[in-house]
Amino acid sequence: MELIPVFQGIVEVTSAQVIGYEAMIRGRIGRTRVGPGDLFAEARRTDSVVQLDNQARAASLGSYVHRELLFLNVEVPTLDMKALTFPPHVDLSRVVLEVTEAVQFQHPIEEVATYLEPFRREGMQVAIDDYGRAWSNLPRIEVLHPEYLKLDRRICANVAERPSVVAGMVSFCERAGIHLIAEGIETAKQAQVISDLGVRLAQGYYYDVPHALQRAAVT
């Protein structure tokens, strides 16, 4: 199995300037491509989620060539087992770790926050991903103190019809000192609406398609 990282830009809405990239993992067996859902489903079946998760981050860091921030996902079992690893000599000040809002941890979120502190002291930042999917984890924000909050794509898909939800999150994040990222922006209309609402950062196919990089980074 070959792991293939791809990267999608996160942009400043008004200028379209890229401020970072999210790494996403794909697989390949011979000529057959394997999506991330199938990769992690098989890992869950074989009780190897943590191993695959750490391998995926290492592969992404090894392929990354940009100087902008790199947003890396982490699976909940990796944090539950306190098994997060990075390759040696990685500059964590370039890394934003994405913690999903939609899955519950086995341990109190306070333990997760404490576990992440040594990484954060080395410069790593934290993002809460898929925010709004569960609508029940405001305490996760209060405890983790994330630098970024990624608004769930299903909310952004309906932003033209229900702008008040996004407007409320813009206001909340401004007060909390959190950078809000609108995910899943796919049309010019969506892009215009979030800009009008004051969203400063966004991600989606309207701005950039996930793509592979060709040369290894120096870490």
N, C-alpha and C. Protein backbone atom coordinates (compact mmCIF):
# COMPACT_ATOMS: atom_id res chain seq x y z
N MET A 1 0.85 -1.20 0.00
CA MET A 1 0.00 0.00 0.00
C MET A 1 0.88 1.25 0.00
N GLU A 2 0.68 2.11 -0.96
CA GLU A 2 1.38 3.39 -1.02
C GLU A 2 0.44 4.49 -0.55
N LEU A 3 0.92 5.33 0.37
CA LEU A 3 0.14 6.47 0.83
C LEU A 3 0.50 7.69 -0.01
N ILE A 4 -0.53 8.36 -0.53
CA ILE A 4 -0.32 9.51 -1.41
C ILE A 4 -0.98 10.73 -0.78
N PRO A 5 -0.21 11.68 -0.27
CA PRO A 5 -0.80 12.91 0.26
C PRO A 5 -1.22 13.85 -0.86
N VAL A 6 -2.34 14.51 -0.68
CA VAL A 6 -2.75 15.60 -1.55
C VAL A 6 -3.03 16.81 -0.67
N PHE A 7 -3.00 17.99 -1.28
CA PHE A 7 -3.07 19.22 -0.51
C PHE A 7 -4.08 20.18 -1.13
N GLN A 8 -4.89 20.81 -0.27
CA GLN A 8 -5.87 21.78 -0.74
C GLN A 8 -5.62 23.10 -0.02
N GLY A 9 -5.57 24.18 -0.79
CA GLY A 9 -5.28 25.48 -0.22
C GLY A 9 -6.40 26.04 0.64
N ILE A 10 -6.00 26.77 1.67
CA ILE A 10 -6.90 27.57 2.50
C ILE A 10 -6.55 29.02 2.20
N VAL A 11 -7.54 29.81 1.82
CA VAL A 11 -7.26 31.12 1.26
C VAL A 11 -7.86 32.25 2.09
N GLU A 12 -7.25 33.42 1.94
CA GLU A 12 -7.83 34.65 2.45
C GLU A 12 -8.89 35.08 1.44
N VAL A 13 -10.12 35.25 1.90
CA VAL A 13 -11.27 35.37 1.00
C VAL A 13 -11.16 36.55 0.05
N THR A 14 -10.82 37.72 0.54
CA THR A 14 -10.86 38.91 -0.31
C THR A 14 -9.72 38.96 -1.32
N SER A 15 -8.57 38.39 -0.97
CA SER A 15 -7.41 38.46 -1.86
C SER A 15 -7.13 37.15 -2.59
N ALA A 16 -7.74 36.05 -2.13
CA ALA A 16 -7.48 34.70 -2.65
C ALA A 16 -6.05 34.25 -2.39
N GLN A 17 -5.34 34.94 -1.50
CA GLN A 17 -3.99 34.53 -1.15
C GLN A 17 -4.04 33.28 -0.27
N VAL A 18 -3.20 32.30 -0.57
CA VAL A 18 -3.15 31.06 0.20
C VAL A 18 -2.39 31.29 1.50
N ILE A 19 -3.03 30.94 2.63
CA ILE A 19 -2.37 31.08 3.93
C ILE A 19 -1.92 29.74 4.49
N GLY A 20 -2.38 28.65 3.88
CA GLY A 20 -2.01 27.33 4.34
C GLY A 20 -2.63 26.27 3.45
N TYR A 21 -2.27 25.02 3.73
CA TYR A 21 -2.81 23.89 2.98
C TYR A 21 -3.24 22.81 3.96
N GLU A 22 -4.38 22.18 3.66
CA GLU A 22 -4.77 20.99 4.42
C GLU A 22 -4.27 19.76 3.68
N ALA A 23 -3.61 18.87 4.42
CA ALA A 23 -3.16 17.60 3.86
C ALA A 23 -4.27 16.57 3.97
N MET A 24 -4.49 15.83 2.89
CA MET A 24 -5.47 14.76 2.85
C MET A 24 -4.77 13.52 2.30
N ILE A 25 -5.11 12.36 2.81
CA ILE A 25 -4.38 11.16 2.41
C ILE A 25 -5.21 10.29 1.47
N ARG A 26 -4.56 9.73 0.49
CA ARG A 26 -5.15 8.74 -0.41
C ARG A 26 -4.24 7.52 -0.42
N GLY A 27 -4.73 6.41 -0.94
CA GLY A 27 -3.93 5.20 -1.02
C GLY A 27 -3.87 4.66 -2.43
N ARG A 28 -2.89 3.80 -2.69
CA ARG A 28 -2.80 3.16 -3.99
C ARG A 28 -2.21 1.77 -3.82
N ILE A 29 -2.92 0.79 -4.38
CA ILE A 29 -2.43 -0.58 -4.43
C ILE A 29 -2.28 -0.94 -5.90
N GLY A 30 -1.05 -1.01 -6.38
CA GLY A 30 -0.84 -1.19 -7.80
C GLY A 30 -1.38 0.02 -8.55
N ARG A 31 -2.35 -0.23 -9.43
CA ARG A 31 -2.99 0.86 -10.16
C ARG A 31 -4.33 1.26 -9.56
N THR A 32 -4.70 0.63 -8.47
CA THR A 32 -6.00 0.89 -7.85
C THR A 32 -5.87 1.97 -6.78
N ARG A 33 -6.66 3.01 -6.90
CA ARG A 33 -6.66 4.08 -5.91
C ARG A 33 -7.65 3.75 -4.79
N VAL A 34 -7.28 4.10 -3.58
CA VAL A 34 -8.10 3.82 -2.40
C VAL A 34 -8.37 5.13 -1.69
N GLY A 35 -9.65 5.44 -1.45
CA GLY A 35 -10.02 6.68 -0.79
C GLY A 35 -9.76 6.62 0.71
N PRO A 36 -9.76 7.79 1.36
CA PRO A 36 -9.47 7.82 2.80
C PRO A 36 -10.48 7.06 3.63
N GLY A 37 -11.75 7.08 3.22
CA GLY A 37 -12.76 6.34 3.96
C GLY A 37 -12.46 4.86 4.01
N ASP A 38 -12.09 4.30 2.86
CA ASP A 38 -11.75 2.88 2.81
C ASP A 38 -10.45 2.58 3.55
N LEU A 39 -9.49 3.50 3.45
CA LEU A 39 -8.23 3.31 4.17
C LEU A 39 -8.46 3.16 5.66
N PHE A 40 -9.22 4.09 6.23
CA PHE A 40 -9.40 4.08 7.68
C PHE A 40 -10.42 3.04 8.11
N ALA A 41 -11.36 2.67 7.24
CA ALA A 41 -12.27 1.57 7.56
C ALA A 41 -11.49 0.27 7.73
N GLU A 42 -10.55 0.03 6.83
CA GLU A 42 -9.71 -1.17 6.94
C GLU A 42 -8.82 -1.09 8.17
N ALA A 43 -8.32 0.11 8.47
CA ALA A 43 -7.48 0.27 9.66
C ALA A 43 -8.28 -0.01 10.93
N ARG A 44 -9.54 0.42 10.96
CA ARG A 44 -10.37 0.12 12.13
C ARG A 44 -10.61 -1.38 12.25
N ARG A 45 -10.80 -2.04 11.11
CA ARG A 45 -11.05 -3.48 11.12
C ARG A 45 -9.84 -4.24 11.66
N THR A 46 -8.65 -3.75 11.37
CA THR A 46 -7.42 -4.43 11.78
C THR A 46 -6.78 -3.79 13.01
N ASP A 47 -7.51 -2.88 13.64
CA ASP A 47 -7.03 -2.22 14.84
C ASP A 47 -5.68 -1.53 14.61
N SER A 48 -5.58 -0.82 13.49
CA SER A 48 -4.32 -0.14 13.16
C SER A 48 -4.53 1.33 12.81
N VAL A 49 -5.58 1.94 13.38
CA VAL A 49 -5.89 3.34 13.07
C VAL A 49 -4.75 4.26 13.47
N VAL A 50 -4.22 4.07 14.67
CA VAL A 50 -3.16 4.96 15.15
C VAL A 50 -1.93 4.86 14.26
N GLN A 51 -1.56 3.65 13.89
CA GLN A 51 -0.41 3.46 13.01
C GLN A 51 -0.61 4.16 11.67
N LEU A 52 -1.78 3.96 11.05
CA LEU A 52 -2.06 4.61 9.77
C LEU A 52 -2.09 6.13 9.92
N ASP A 53 -2.68 6.60 11.01
CA ASP A 53 -2.80 8.04 11.25
C ASP A 53 -1.42 8.69 11.31
N ASN A 54 -0.51 8.11 12.07
CA ASN A 54 0.83 8.67 12.18
C ASN A 54 1.61 8.53 10.87
N GLN A 55 1.41 7.44 10.15
CA GLN A 55 2.06 7.28 8.85
C GLN A 55 1.56 8.33 7.85
N ALA A 56 0.26 8.61 7.90
CA ALA A 56 -0.31 9.60 6.99
C ALA A 56 0.27 10.99 7.24
N ARG A 57 0.42 11.36 8.51
CA ARG A 57 1.01 12.67 8.81
C ARG A 57 2.47 12.72 8.36
N ALA A 58 3.20 11.64 8.60
CA ALA A 58 4.60 11.61 8.18
C ALA A 58 4.72 11.73 6.67
N ALA A 59 3.85 11.05 5.94
CA ALA A 59 3.87 11.13 4.47
C ALA A 59 3.55 12.54 4.00
N SER A 60 2.59 13.17 4.64
CA SER A 60 2.21 14.53 4.26
C SER A 60 3.35 15.51 4.52
N LEU A 61 3.98 15.40 5.68
CA LEU A 61 5.10 16.28 6.00
C LEU A 61 6.27 16.04 5.06
N GLY A 62 6.48 14.80 4.65
CA GLY A 62 7.57 14.50 3.75
C GLY A 62 7.37 15.01 2.35
N SER A 63 6.12 15.25 1.97
CA SER A 63 5.81 15.73 0.62
C SER A 63 5.60 17.23 0.54
N TYR A 64 5.52 17.88 1.70
CA TYR A 64 5.11 19.29 1.71
C TYR A 64 6.26 20.19 1.31
N VAL A 65 6.02 21.08 0.35
CA VAL A 65 7.09 21.94 -0.18
C VAL A 65 6.84 23.42 0.09
N HIS A 66 5.68 23.78 0.61
CA HIS A 66 5.35 25.18 0.79
C HIS A 66 5.81 25.69 2.16
N ARG A 67 5.86 27.01 2.29
CA ARG A 67 6.23 27.62 3.56
C ARG A 67 5.00 28.04 4.37
N GLU A 68 3.85 27.99 3.75
CA GLU A 68 2.63 28.34 4.47
C GLU A 68 2.31 27.25 5.50
N LEU A 69 1.34 27.54 6.36
CA LEU A 69 0.94 26.58 7.39
C LEU A 69 0.45 25.28 6.76
N LEU A 70 0.70 24.18 7.46
CA LEU A 70 0.21 22.88 7.03
C LEU A 70 -0.81 22.37 8.05
N PHE A 71 -2.04 22.18 7.60
CA PHE A 71 -3.12 21.68 8.45
C PHE A 71 -3.15 20.16 8.34
N LEU A 72 -2.98 19.49 9.48
CA LEU A 72 -2.91 18.03 9.52
C LEU A 72 -4.02 17.47 10.39
N ASN A 73 -4.74 16.49 9.88
CA ASN A 73 -5.79 15.85 10.66
C ASN A 73 -5.21 14.85 11.65
N VAL A 74 -5.94 14.62 12.73
CA VAL A 74 -5.57 13.59 13.69
C VAL A 74 -6.81 12.78 14.03
N GLU A 75 -6.67 11.47 14.06
CA GLU A 75 -7.78 10.60 14.43
C GLU A 75 -7.96 10.60 15.95
N VAL A 76 -9.20 10.52 16.38
CA VAL A 76 -9.50 10.54 17.82
C VAL A 76 -8.77 9.44 18.58
N PRO A 77 -8.71 8.18 18.08
CA PRO A 77 -7.97 7.16 18.84
C PRO A 77 -6.51 7.52 19.11
N THR A 78 -5.89 8.27 18.20
CA THR A 78 -4.50 8.67 18.40
C THR A 78 -4.36 9.55 19.63
N LEU A 79 -5.32 10.46 19.81
CA LEU A 79 -5.28 11.33 20.99
C LEU A 79 -5.72 10.58 22.23
N ASP A 80 -6.73 9.70 22.09
CA ASP A 80 -7.18 8.92 23.24
C ASP A 80 -6.04 8.06 23.80
N MET A 81 -5.22 7.52 22.91
CA MET A 81 -4.11 6.65 23.33
C MET A 81 -2.82 7.43 23.59
N LYS A 82 -2.89 8.74 23.42
CA LYS A 82 -1.72 9.61 23.62
C LYS A 82 -0.54 9.10 22.80
N ALA A 83 -0.82 8.88 21.51
CA ALA A 83 0.17 8.26 20.63
C ALA A 83 0.51 9.13 19.43
N LEU A 84 0.30 10.44 19.54
CA LEU A 84 0.60 11.36 18.44
C LEU A 84 2.11 11.45 18.23
N THR A 85 2.55 11.24 16.99
CA THR A 85 3.97 11.37 16.68
C THR A 85 4.17 12.23 15.44
N PHE A 86 5.34 12.85 15.37
CA PHE A 86 5.78 13.59 14.20
C PHE A 86 7.18 13.11 13.83
N PRO A 87 7.55 13.18 12.55
CA PRO A 87 8.93 12.83 12.18
C PRO A 87 9.93 13.74 12.89
N PRO A 88 11.16 13.26 13.10
CA PRO A 88 12.18 14.09 13.76
C PRO A 88 12.43 15.39 13.00
N HIS A 89 12.73 16.43 13.77
CA HIS A 89 13.18 17.72 13.24
C HIS A 89 12.08 18.49 12.49
N VAL A 90 10.83 18.08 12.65
CA VAL A 90 9.74 18.85 12.03
C VAL A 90 9.55 20.16 12.79
N ASP A 91 9.40 21.24 12.06
CA ASP A 91 9.14 22.55 12.65
C ASP A 91 7.65 22.64 12.96
N LEU A 92 7.29 22.45 14.24
CA LEU A 92 5.88 22.42 14.61
C LEU A 92 5.22 23.79 14.51
N SER A 93 6.01 24.85 14.39
CA SER A 93 5.40 26.17 14.23
C SER A 93 4.72 26.32 12.88
N ARG A 94 4.95 25.38 11.98
CA ARG A 94 4.29 25.40 10.66
C ARG A 94 3.05 24.50 10.64
N VAL A 95 2.77 23.82 11.76
CA VAL A 95 1.73 22.79 11.80
C VAL A 95 0.50 23.28 12.55
N VAL A 96 -0.68 23.03 11.96
CA VAL A 96 -1.96 23.22 12.64
C VAL A 96 -2.62 21.85 12.71
N LEU A 97 -2.86 21.36 13.91
CA LEU A 97 -3.46 20.04 14.09
C LEU A 97 -4.98 20.18 14.15
N GLU A 98 -5.68 19.46 13.27
CA GLU A 98 -7.13 19.54 13.19
C GLU A 98 -7.77 18.45 14.04
N VAL A 99 -8.52 18.87 15.05
CA VAL A 99 -9.24 17.97 15.94
C VAL A 99 -10.72 18.07 15.61
N THR A 100 -11.34 16.95 15.25
CA THR A 100 -12.74 17.01 14.83
C THR A 100 -13.67 17.29 16.00
N GLU A 101 -14.74 18.01 15.72
CA GLU A 101 -15.75 18.27 16.73
C GLU A 101 -16.75 17.14 16.82
N ALA A 102 -16.86 16.35 15.75
CA ALA A 102 -18.01 15.45 15.60
C ALA A 102 -17.87 14.12 16.32
N VAL A 103 -16.70 13.81 16.87
CA VAL A 103 -16.47 12.52 17.51
C VAL A 103 -16.12 12.74 18.98
N GLN A 104 -16.69 11.92 19.84
CA GLN A 104 -16.42 12.03 21.27
C GLN A 104 -15.14 11.28 21.63
N PHE A 105 -14.38 11.86 22.55
CA PHE A 105 -13.18 11.21 23.07
C PHE A 105 -13.55 10.24 24.19
N GLN A 106 -12.69 9.24 24.41
CA GLN A 106 -12.89 8.34 25.53
C GLN A 106 -12.53 9.02 26.84
N HIS A 107 -11.59 9.96 26.77
CA HIS A 107 -11.12 10.64 27.97
C HIS A 107 -11.66 12.07 28.00
N PRO A 108 -11.71 12.70 29.18
CA PRO A 108 -12.16 14.09 29.25
C PRO A 108 -11.33 14.98 28.34
N ILE A 109 -11.98 15.97 27.75
CA ILE A 109 -11.28 16.86 26.82
C ILE A 109 -10.14 17.60 27.52
N GLU A 110 -10.26 17.78 28.84
CA GLU A 110 -9.18 18.42 29.59
C GLU A 110 -7.89 17.61 29.51
N GLU A 111 -8.01 16.27 29.50
CA GLU A 111 -6.82 15.42 29.37
C GLU A 111 -6.18 15.57 27.99
N VAL A 112 -7.03 15.68 26.97
CA VAL A 112 -6.52 15.87 25.62
C VAL A 112 -5.77 17.20 25.52
N ALA A 113 -6.36 18.25 26.10
CA ALA A 113 -5.71 19.56 26.07
C ALA A 113 -4.35 19.52 26.77
N THR A 114 -4.29 18.85 27.91
CA THR A 114 -3.03 18.73 28.64
C THR A 114 -2.00 17.95 27.83
N TYR A 115 -2.45 16.89 27.16
CA TYR A 115 -1.54 16.07 26.35
C TYR A 115 -0.95 16.88 25.19
N LEU A 116 -1.73 17.79 24.62
CA LEU A 116 -1.27 18.57 23.48
C LEU A 116 -0.35 19.73 23.87
N GLU A 117 -0.30 20.07 25.15
CA GLU A 117 0.45 21.25 25.57
C GLU A 117 1.93 21.21 25.17
N PRO A 118 2.65 20.10 25.35
CA PRO A 118 4.07 20.11 24.93
C PRO A 118 4.26 20.40 23.44
N PHE A 119 3.35 19.89 22.61
CA PHE A 119 3.42 20.18 21.18
C PHE A 119 3.16 21.66 20.91
N ARG A 120 2.21 22.21 21.65
CA ARG A 120 1.86 23.63 21.44
C ARG A 120 2.99 24.53 21.92
N ARG A 121 3.70 24.12 22.95
CA ARG A 121 4.84 24.92 23.40
C ARG A 121 5.93 24.98 22.35
N GLU A 122 5.96 24.00 21.46
CA GLU A 122 6.92 24.01 20.35
C GLU A 122 6.38 24.75 19.13
N GLY A 123 5.21 25.35 19.26
CA GLY A 123 4.68 26.19 18.20
C GLY A 123 3.48 25.65 17.46
N MET A 124 3.12 24.38 17.69
CA MET A 124 1.97 23.81 17.00
C MET A 124 0.69 24.53 17.39
N GLN A 125 -0.17 24.79 16.40
CA GLN A 125 -1.47 25.37 16.64
C GLN A 125 -2.55 24.30 16.49
N VAL A 126 -3.76 24.63 16.95
CA VAL A 126 -4.87 23.67 16.93
C VAL A 126 -6.06 24.28 16.20
N ALA A 127 -6.72 23.45 15.40
CA ALA A 127 -7.99 23.82 14.76
C ALA A 127 -9.05 22.81 15.18
N ILE A 128 -10.26 23.28 15.40
CA ILE A 128 -11.40 22.38 15.58
C ILE A 128 -12.09 22.26 14.23
N ASP A 129 -12.18 21.03 13.73
CA ASP A 129 -12.72 20.75 12.41
C ASP A 129 -14.19 20.37 12.51
N ASP A 130 -14.92 20.57 11.40
CA ASP A 130 -16.33 20.15 11.28
C ASP A 130 -17.22 20.83 12.32
N TYR A 131 -16.88 22.05 12.71
CA TYR A 131 -17.66 22.68 13.77
C TYR A 131 -19.09 22.94 13.29
N GLY A 132 -20.05 22.60 14.14
CA GLY A 132 -21.46 22.76 13.81
C GLY A 132 -22.13 21.46 13.44
N ARG A 133 -21.34 20.40 13.22
CA ARG A 133 -21.95 19.11 12.87
C ARG A 133 -22.68 18.52 14.07
N ALA A 134 -22.09 18.68 15.26
CA ALA A 134 -22.70 18.09 16.45
C ALA A 134 -23.51 19.09 17.27
N TRP A 135 -23.15 20.37 17.17
CA TRP A 135 -23.85 21.42 17.92
C TRP A 135 -23.83 21.21 19.43
N SER A 136 -22.84 20.51 19.95
CA SER A 136 -22.87 20.21 21.38
C SER A 136 -21.52 20.38 22.05
N ASN A 137 -20.55 20.94 21.36
CA ASN A 137 -19.20 20.91 21.89
C ASN A 137 -18.58 22.28 22.10
N LEU A 138 -19.38 23.26 22.52
CA LEU A 138 -18.80 24.54 22.89
C LEU A 138 -17.74 24.37 23.98
N PRO A 139 -17.93 23.46 24.96
CA PRO A 139 -16.86 23.25 25.94
C PRO A 139 -15.54 22.83 25.32
N ARG A 140 -15.58 22.15 24.17
CA ARG A 140 -14.34 21.75 23.51
C ARG A 140 -13.55 22.99 23.08
N ILE A 141 -14.26 24.02 22.65
CA ILE A 141 -13.58 25.28 22.30
C ILE A 141 -13.00 25.92 23.55
N GLU A 142 -13.80 25.95 24.62
CA GLU A 142 -13.36 26.61 25.84
C GLU A 142 -12.13 25.95 26.44
N VAL A 143 -12.03 24.63 26.31
CA VAL A 143 -10.91 23.90 26.91
C VAL A 143 -9.69 23.88 26.00
N LEU A 144 -9.90 23.65 24.71
CA LEU A 144 -8.77 23.54 23.78
C LEU A 144 -8.18 24.88 23.36
N HIS A 145 -8.97 25.95 23.45
CA HIS A 145 -8.51 27.28 23.02
C HIS A 145 -7.88 27.21 21.63
N PRO A 146 -8.63 26.79 20.62
CA PRO A 146 -8.05 26.63 19.29
C PRO A 146 -7.72 27.97 18.65
N GLU A 147 -6.71 27.96 17.80
CA GLU A 147 -6.40 29.15 17.02
C GLU A 147 -7.32 29.27 15.81
N TYR A 148 -7.82 28.12 15.33
CA TYR A 148 -8.69 28.09 14.14
C TYR A 148 -9.93 27.26 14.42
N LEU A 149 -11.02 27.64 13.78
CA LEU A 149 -12.27 26.88 13.84
C LEU A 149 -12.79 26.73 12.42
N LYS A 150 -12.96 25.48 11.98
CA LYS A 150 -13.39 25.20 10.61
C LYS A 150 -14.88 24.86 10.62
N LEU A 151 -15.65 25.72 9.99
CA LEU A 151 -17.10 25.59 9.98
C LEU A 151 -17.53 24.47 9.04
N ASP A 152 -18.36 23.56 9.53
CA ASP A 152 -18.75 22.38 8.76
C ASP A 152 -19.31 22.75 7.40
N ARG A 153 -18.93 21.95 6.39
CA ARG A 153 -19.30 22.24 5.01
C ARG A 153 -20.81 22.22 4.79
N ARG A 154 -21.55 21.47 5.59
CA ARG A 154 -23.00 21.42 5.40
C ARG A 154 -23.66 22.74 5.80
N ILE A 155 -23.06 23.44 6.73
CA ILE A 155 -23.55 24.78 7.07
C ILE A 155 -23.22 25.75 5.95
N CYS A 156 -22.00 25.66 5.44
CA CYS A 156 -21.58 26.58 4.39
C CYS A 156 -22.34 26.34 3.09
N ALA A 157 -22.78 25.11 2.84
CA ALA A 157 -23.52 24.82 1.61
C ALA A 157 -24.83 25.58 1.56
N ASN A 158 -25.39 25.88 2.73
CA ASN A 158 -26.68 26.57 2.80
C ASN A 158 -26.54 28.02 3.25
N VAL A 159 -25.35 28.58 3.10
CA VAL A 159 -25.11 29.90 3.66
C VAL A 159 -25.98 30.97 3.01
N ALA A 160 -26.32 30.83 1.74
CA ALA A 160 -27.16 31.84 1.08
C ALA A 160 -28.57 31.82 1.64
N GLU A 161 -29.06 30.64 2.03
CA GLU A 161 -30.41 30.52 2.56
C GLU A 161 -30.46 30.77 4.07
N ARG A 162 -29.37 30.48 4.77
CA ARG A 162 -29.34 30.63 6.23
C ARG A 162 -28.07 31.38 6.65
N PRO A 163 -27.96 32.63 6.26
CA PRO A 163 -26.73 33.38 6.56
C PRO A 163 -26.55 33.69 8.04
N SER A 164 -27.64 33.68 8.81
CA SER A 164 -27.55 34.08 10.21
C SER A 164 -26.66 33.13 11.02
N VAL A 165 -26.62 31.86 10.65
CA VAL A 165 -25.79 30.90 11.36
C VAL A 165 -24.31 31.27 11.21
N VAL A 166 -23.91 31.54 9.99
CA VAL A 166 -22.51 31.90 9.73
C VAL A 166 -22.20 33.27 10.33
N ALA A 167 -23.13 34.20 10.22
CA ALA A 167 -22.92 35.52 10.80
C ALA A 167 -22.69 35.43 12.30
N GLY A 168 -23.45 34.55 12.95
CA GLY A 168 -23.28 34.36 14.39
C GLY A 168 -21.91 33.80 14.73
N MET A 169 -21.41 32.88 13.90
CA MET A 169 -20.09 32.30 14.15
C MET A 169 -18.98 33.32 13.90
N VAL A 170 -19.17 34.18 12.90
CA VAL A 170 -18.20 35.25 12.66
C VAL A 170 -18.07 36.13 13.90
N SER A 171 -19.21 36.51 14.46
CA SER A 171 -19.21 37.36 15.65
C SER A 171 -18.56 36.65 16.84
N PHE A 172 -18.92 35.38 17.03
CA PHE A 172 -18.36 34.61 18.15
C PHE A 172 -16.84 34.50 18.03
N CYS A 173 -16.35 34.16 16.85
CA CYS A 173 -14.91 33.97 16.66
C CYS A 173 -14.15 35.27 16.80
N GLU A 174 -14.73 36.37 16.35
CA GLU A 174 -14.06 37.66 16.52
C GLU A 174 -13.90 37.98 18.00
N ARG A 175 -14.94 37.72 18.79
CA ARG A 175 -14.86 37.99 20.23
C ARG A 175 -13.87 37.06 20.92
N ALA A 176 -13.78 35.82 20.43
CA ALA A 176 -12.92 34.82 21.07
C ALA A 176 -11.48 34.86 20.56
N GLY A 177 -11.21 35.65 19.53
CA GLY A 177 -9.87 35.70 18.96
C GLY A 177 -9.50 34.45 18.20
N ILE A 178 -10.49 33.83 17.54
CA ILE A 178 -10.28 32.60 16.78
C ILE A 178 -10.44 32.91 15.29
N HIS A 179 -9.59 32.32 14.46
CA HIS A 179 -9.70 32.47 13.01
C HIS A 179 -10.75 31.49 12.49
N LEU A 180 -11.80 31.99 11.88
CA LEU A 180 -12.87 31.15 11.34
C LEU A 180 -12.57 30.80 9.88
N ILE A 181 -12.68 29.52 9.54
CA ILE A 181 -12.49 29.04 8.17
C ILE A 181 -13.79 28.41 7.70
N ALA A 182 -14.33 28.89 6.58
CA ALA A 182 -15.52 28.29 5.98
C ALA A 182 -15.08 27.16 5.06
N GLU A 183 -15.57 25.95 5.33
CA GLU A 183 -15.18 24.78 4.53
C GLU A 183 -16.21 24.48 3.44
N GLY A 184 -15.77 23.83 2.40
CA GLY A 184 -16.67 23.33 1.37
C GLY A 184 -17.26 24.39 0.46
N ILE A 185 -16.54 25.49 0.26
CA ILE A 185 -17.04 26.54 -0.63
C ILE A 185 -16.80 26.10 -2.08
N GLU A 186 -17.88 25.98 -2.84
CA GLU A 186 -17.79 25.42 -4.19
C GLU A 186 -18.31 26.34 -5.28
N THR A 187 -18.99 27.42 -4.93
CA THR A 187 -19.56 28.30 -5.95
C THR A 187 -19.20 29.75 -5.68
N ALA A 188 -19.28 30.55 -6.74
CA ALA A 188 -19.02 31.98 -6.61
C ALA A 188 -20.03 32.64 -5.68
N LYS A 189 -21.27 32.16 -5.71
CA LYS A 189 -22.30 32.73 -4.84
C LYS A 189 -21.97 32.49 -3.38
N GLN A 190 -21.57 31.27 -3.04
CA GLN A 190 -21.19 30.98 -1.67
C GLN A 190 -20.00 31.85 -1.25
N ALA A 191 -19.03 31.98 -2.13
CA ALA A 191 -17.85 32.78 -1.83
C ALA A 191 -18.23 34.24 -1.57
N GLN A 192 -19.16 34.77 -2.35
CA GLN A 192 -19.57 36.15 -2.18
C GLN A 192 -20.33 36.34 -0.87
N VAL A 193 -21.21 35.39 -0.55
CA VAL A 193 -22.00 35.50 0.68
C VAL A 193 -21.11 35.47 1.91
N ILE A 194 -20.17 34.53 1.96
CA ILE A 194 -19.32 34.47 3.16
C ILE A 194 -18.44 35.70 3.27
N SER A 195 -18.02 36.25 2.13
CA SER A 195 -17.25 37.48 2.16
C SER A 195 -18.08 38.63 2.71
N ASP A 196 -19.33 38.73 2.26
CA ASP A 196 -20.22 39.78 2.75
C ASP A 196 -20.49 39.64 4.25
N LEU A 197 -20.48 38.40 4.75
CA LEU A 197 -20.74 38.15 6.17
C LEU A 197 -19.51 38.38 7.04
N GLY A 198 -18.37 38.60 6.42
CA GLY A 198 -17.16 38.88 7.19
C GLY A 198 -16.25 37.69 7.43
N VAL A 199 -16.52 36.56 6.77
CA VAL A 199 -15.61 35.42 6.87
C VAL A 199 -14.32 35.76 6.13
N ARG A 200 -13.21 35.58 6.78
CA ARG A 200 -11.93 35.99 6.19
C ARG A 200 -11.15 34.85 5.55
N LEU A 201 -11.40 33.62 5.99
CA LEU A 201 -10.66 32.47 5.47
C LEU A 201 -11.63 31.41 4.97
N ALA A 202 -11.25 30.72 3.90
CA ALA A 202 -12.15 29.72 3.32
C ALA A 202 -11.35 28.64 2.62
N GLN A 203 -12.05 27.53 2.38
CA GLN A 203 -11.45 26.36 1.73
C GLN A 203 -12.53 25.68 0.91
N GLY A 204 -12.17 25.16 -0.25
CA GLY A 204 -13.15 24.44 -1.06
C GLY A 204 -12.74 24.42 -2.51
N TYR A 205 -13.50 23.67 -3.29
CA TYR A 205 -13.17 23.48 -4.71
C TYR A 205 -13.28 24.78 -5.51
N TYR A 206 -14.01 25.76 -5.00
CA TYR A 206 -14.08 27.04 -5.71
C TYR A 206 -12.69 27.69 -5.77
N TYR A 207 -11.89 27.47 -4.73
CA TYR A 207 -10.58 28.10 -4.65
C TYR A 207 -9.44 27.18 -5.11
N ASP A 208 -9.54 25.90 -4.79
CA ASP A 208 -8.42 25.01 -5.07
C ASP A 208 -8.89 23.56 -5.02
N VAL A 209 -8.38 22.75 -5.94
CA VAL A 209 -8.68 21.32 -5.97
C VAL A 209 -7.53 20.58 -5.30
N PRO A 210 -7.80 19.60 -4.44
CA PRO A 210 -6.70 18.84 -3.82
C PRO A 210 -5.75 18.29 -4.87
N HIS A 211 -4.46 18.48 -4.64
CA HIS A 211 -3.47 18.09 -5.63
C HIS A 211 -2.23 17.54 -4.95
N ALA A 212 -1.53 16.66 -5.66
CA ALA A 212 -0.28 16.09 -5.15
C ALA A 212 0.87 17.05 -5.43
N LEU A 213 1.92 16.92 -4.64
CA LEU A 213 3.14 17.68 -4.84
C LEU A 213 4.23 16.71 -5.29
N GLN A 214 5.19 17.22 -6.03
CA GLN A 214 6.10 16.33 -6.74
C GLN A 214 7.44 16.10 -6.06
N ARG A 215 7.85 17.01 -5.19
CA ARG A 215 9.19 16.81 -4.61
C ARG A 215 9.11 16.86 -3.09
N ALA A 216 10.05 16.23 -2.45
CA ALA A 216 10.03 16.12 -1.00
C ALA A 216 10.46 17.43 -0.36
N ALA A 217 9.89 17.70 0.80
CA ALA A 217 10.26 18.90 1.54
C ALA A 217 11.49 18.63 2.40
N VAL A 218 12.20 19.69 2.74
CA VAL A 218 13.28 19.61 3.70
C VAL A 218 12.70 20.01 5.04
N THR A 219 12.73 19.12 6.02
CA THR A 219 12.14 19.40 7.34
C THR A 219 13.22 19.53 8.39
